Amino acid sequence: MIKAVLVDFDGTLADTQFANYKAYSSAINQFTPEIEIDFDTFLSISDGRHWSYFLPKIYAHFGQDYQDLGSKVAQEKTRCYPEFTQLIQFNESLISLLKVLKSQAQLAIVTTASKKNVLAALSLRDDVKELFEFLITSEDVEQHKPHPEAYEMAAKRFNVVNTECLIFEDSKSGIESAERFGGQVIKIKL
């Protein structure tokens, strides 16, 4: 029996790819203006992963020295992200389904995105924000997807076991995380 529905944010609940791309491009440009990454390259390198995984790969792709720029770029991305939230497209089909599931299960967002960015996006849609009891974000875990820690944490907060969780995910790392956790996984494609 499904008691908890755990929903990834980026690429699942909302198409945030272009907003993330614009915010990361702007942030990277603040520190290394010589890097001009195009949308397709950004998507192929980031692939739903945490910035600590893909930012070094972006810098390596452009033959640039990464050094200690990661957290600075990530902080700048978080700071400027609200400027790009108007580019977000919410997954209306999934939202309709979640509204039905809300009467039968507890709902939470489980994401590698920062809390500030998710809340900035959710501020556009109170009807969506109200569906979820809590958020598990990058700040809440030590190990990011594909590690299952975020899903384990959500299940513990809901006091349910893995087989009682229905998980909506889109990225390879997110699906791997959900499968390693042992929940029932539905892959979303926007």
Protein backbone atom coordinates (compact mmCIF):
# COMPACT_ATOMS: atom_id res chain seq x y z
CA MET A 1 0.00 0.00 0.00
CA ILE A 2 1.33 3.45 -0.93
CA LYS A 3 1.57 5.72 2.11
CA ALA A 4 4.03 8.32 0.82
CA VAL A 5 4.58 9.95 -2.57
CA LEU A 6 8.06 11.41 -3.04
CA VAL A 7 8.53 13.78 -5.95
CA ASP A 8 11.72 15.09 -7.50
CA PHE A 9 11.55 18.76 -8.44
CA ASP A 10 13.81 19.63 -11.39
CA GLY A 11 12.67 17.82 -14.52
CA THR A 12 9.84 16.01 -12.75
CA LEU A 13 7.47 18.41 -11.00
CA ALA A 14 8.71 21.28 -13.13
CA ASP A 15 10.76 21.80 -16.25
CA THR A 16 13.49 23.99 -14.80
CA GLN A 17 16.20 23.16 -17.32
CA PHE A 18 16.29 26.52 -19.05
CA ALA A 19 16.00 28.48 -15.79
CA ASN A 20 18.85 26.44 -14.28
CA TYR A 21 20.93 26.85 -17.42
CA LYS A 22 20.45 30.63 -17.45
CA ALA A 23 21.22 30.94 -13.72
CA TYR A 24 24.32 28.73 -13.89
CA SER A 25 25.54 30.49 -17.05
CA SER A 26 25.18 33.82 -15.30
CA ALA A 27 26.96 32.54 -12.18
CA ILE A 28 29.82 30.94 -14.12
CA ASN A 29 30.20 34.15 -16.10
CA GLN A 30 30.68 36.13 -12.87
CA PHE A 31 33.86 34.18 -12.07
CA THR A 32 35.07 32.96 -15.46
CA PRO A 33 33.67 35.16 -18.25
CA GLU A 34 35.63 33.22 -20.85
CA ILE A 35 33.34 30.21 -20.37
CA GLU A 36 30.25 30.43 -22.56
CA ILE A 37 28.38 27.17 -22.25
CA ASP A 38 25.50 26.40 -24.57
CA PHE A 39 22.22 24.85 -23.41
CA ASP A 40 22.79 21.36 -24.89
CA THR A 41 26.29 21.07 -23.44
CA PHE A 42 25.03 22.18 -20.04
CA LEU A 43 22.26 19.56 -20.10
CA SER A 44 24.59 16.77 -21.18
CA ILE A 45 27.05 17.53 -18.38
CA SER A 46 24.65 18.37 -15.53
CA ASP A 47 22.18 15.47 -16.04
CA GLY A 48 20.16 16.07 -12.87
CA ARG A 49 23.20 15.93 -10.64
CA HIS A 50 24.33 18.17 -7.79
CA TRP A 51 26.62 21.08 -8.69
CA SER A 52 29.54 19.44 -6.87
CA TYR A 53 29.46 16.73 -9.53
CA PHE A 54 28.92 18.71 -12.72
CA LEU A 55 30.65 22.08 -12.19
CA PRO A 56 34.14 20.49 -12.22
CA LYS A 57 33.14 18.71 -15.46
CA ILE A 58 32.02 21.99 -17.04
CA TYR A 59 35.33 23.66 -16.16
CA ALA A 60 37.27 20.62 -17.44
CA HIS A 61 35.22 20.67 -20.66
CA PHE A 62 36.45 24.22 -21.31
CA GLY A 63 40.01 23.49 -20.15
CA GLN A 64 39.64 25.95 -17.29
CA ASP A 65 41.06 25.70 -13.78
CA TYR A 66 38.24 24.90 -11.37
CA GLN A 67 40.12 25.43 -8.09
CA ASP A 68 37.71 26.45 -5.31
CA LEU A 69 35.07 28.05 -7.51
CA GLY A 70 32.33 25.44 -7.00
CA SER A 71 30.67 26.77 -3.88
CA LYS A 72 31.09 30.37 -5.09
CA VAL A 73 29.41 29.59 -8.41
CA ALA A 74 26.66 27.61 -6.65
CA GLN A 75 26.00 30.47 -4.22
CA GLU A 76 25.85 32.97 -7.06
CA LYS A 77 23.50 30.66 -8.98
CA THR A 78 21.20 30.47 -5.95
CA ARG A 79 21.31 34.26 -5.58
CA CYS A 80 20.36 34.97 -9.20
CA TYR A 81 17.96 32.02 -9.75
CA PRO A 82 14.79 33.99 -8.82
CA GLU A 83 15.50 36.24 -11.84
CA PHE A 84 14.85 33.22 -14.08
CA THR A 85 11.88 31.51 -12.38
CA GLN A 86 9.50 32.92 -15.00
CA LEU A 87 11.12 30.39 -17.39
CA ILE A 88 9.84 27.43 -15.34
CA GLN A 89 7.05 25.27 -16.77
CA PHE A 90 5.18 23.17 -14.21
CA ASN A 91 4.15 19.60 -15.04
CA GLU A 92 0.37 20.09 -15.01
CA SER A 93 -0.40 16.40 -15.61
CA LEU A 94 1.66 15.32 -12.63
CA ILE A 95 0.18 18.10 -10.49
CA SER A 96 -3.34 16.86 -11.31
CA LEU A 97 -2.35 13.32 -10.32
CA LEU A 98 -0.72 14.54 -7.09
CA LYS A 99 -3.90 16.40 -6.16
CA VAL A 100 -5.76 13.08 -6.34
CA LEU A 101 -3.03 11.17 -4.49
CA LYS A 102 -2.98 13.79 -1.71
CA SER A 103 -6.20 12.33 -0.29
CA GLN A 104 -4.59 8.87 -0.03
CA ALA A 105 -0.93 9.50 0.85
CA GLN A 106 1.54 11.96 2.31
CA LEU A 107 3.54 14.00 -0.22
CA ALA A 108 7.06 15.46 -0.10
CA ILE A 109 9.54 16.94 -2.54
CA VAL A 110 12.93 15.19 -2.60
CA THR A 111 15.51 17.05 -4.68
CA THR A 112 19.19 17.88 -5.09
CA ALA A 113 18.23 21.51 -5.68
CA SER A 114 18.73 24.12 -2.98
CA LYS A 115 15.84 24.94 -0.68
CA LYS A 116 15.98 28.61 -1.68
CA ASN A 117 15.65 27.75 -5.39
CA VAL A 118 12.77 25.32 -4.87
CA LEU A 119 10.91 27.81 -2.69
CA ALA A 120 11.50 30.56 -5.27
CA ALA A 121 9.94 28.35 -7.94
CA LEU A 122 7.07 27.21 -5.69
CA SER A 123 6.28 30.84 -4.86
CA LEU A 124 4.85 30.99 -8.38
CA ARG A 125 2.26 28.34 -7.53
CA ASP A 126 0.65 28.24 -4.08
CA ASP A 127 -1.62 25.39 -5.23
CA VAL A 128 1.46 23.24 -5.84
CA LYS A 129 3.35 24.32 -2.72
CA GLU A 130 0.35 23.36 -0.54
CA LEU A 131 0.44 19.76 -1.77
CA PHE A 132 3.66 18.94 0.07
CA GLU A 133 4.24 18.44 3.76
CA PHE A 134 7.97 19.11 3.56
CA LEU A 135 11.00 19.39 1.30
CA ILE A 136 14.22 17.41 1.38
CA THR A 137 16.82 19.51 -0.44
CA SER A 138 20.58 19.50 -1.02
CA GLU A 139 21.18 21.21 2.32
CA ASP A 140 19.51 18.36 4.21
CA VAL A 141 21.78 15.53 3.10
CA GLU A 142 25.46 14.72 3.11
CA GLN A 143 25.32 12.44 0.07
CA HIS A 144 23.45 13.52 -3.04
CA LYS A 145 21.66 11.45 -5.67
CA PRO A 146 22.39 8.78 -6.88
CA HIS A 147 22.91 7.97 -3.20
CA PRO A 148 19.52 7.10 -1.61
CA GLU A 149 20.04 9.22 1.55
CA ALA A 150 17.40 11.83 0.60
CA TYR A 151 14.73 9.16 0.06
CA GLU A 152 15.71 7.38 3.26
CA MET A 153 15.34 10.67 5.15
CA ALA A 154 11.90 11.36 3.66
CA ALA A 155 10.64 7.86 4.50
CA LYS A 156 11.89 8.21 8.06
CA ARG A 157 10.11 11.56 8.47
CA PHE A 158 6.88 9.98 7.22
CA ASN A 159 7.50 6.87 9.34
CA VAL A 160 7.07 4.54 6.35
CA VAL A 161 9.21 1.82 4.78
CA ASN A 162 10.65 1.94 1.26
CA THR A 163 8.01 -0.32 -0.30
CA GLU A 164 5.29 2.08 0.89
CA CYS A 165 6.79 4.91 -1.16
CA LEU A 166 5.87 5.88 -4.70
CA ILE A 167 8.62 7.98 -6.28
CA PHE A 168 8.44 10.22 -9.32
CA GLU A 169 11.84 10.88 -10.93
CA ASP A 170 13.27 11.88 -14.29
CA SER A 171 17.08 11.80 -14.35
CA LYS A 172 19.40 8.82 -14.45
CA SER A 173 20.92 9.72 -11.06
CA GLY A 174 17.49 10.30 -9.51
CA ILE A 175 16.12 7.00 -10.76
CA GLU A 176 19.23 5.21 -9.51
CA SER A 177 18.77 6.86 -6.11
CA ALA A 178 15.10 5.82 -5.94
CA GLU A 179 15.89 2.26 -7.02
CA ARG A 180 18.72 1.93 -4.52
CA PHE A 181 16.30 3.11 -1.84
CA GLY A 182 13.86 0.40 -2.90
CA GLY A 183 10.79 2.50 -3.55
CA GLN A 184 8.34 2.06 -6.40
CA VAL A 185 9.59 4.34 -9.17
CA ILE A 186 7.75 6.05 -12.02
CA LYS A 187 9.94 7.74 -14.60
CA ILE A 188 8.72 11.13 -15.78
CA LYS A 189 9.58 12.56 -19.16
CA LEU A 190 8.71 16.21 -19.78
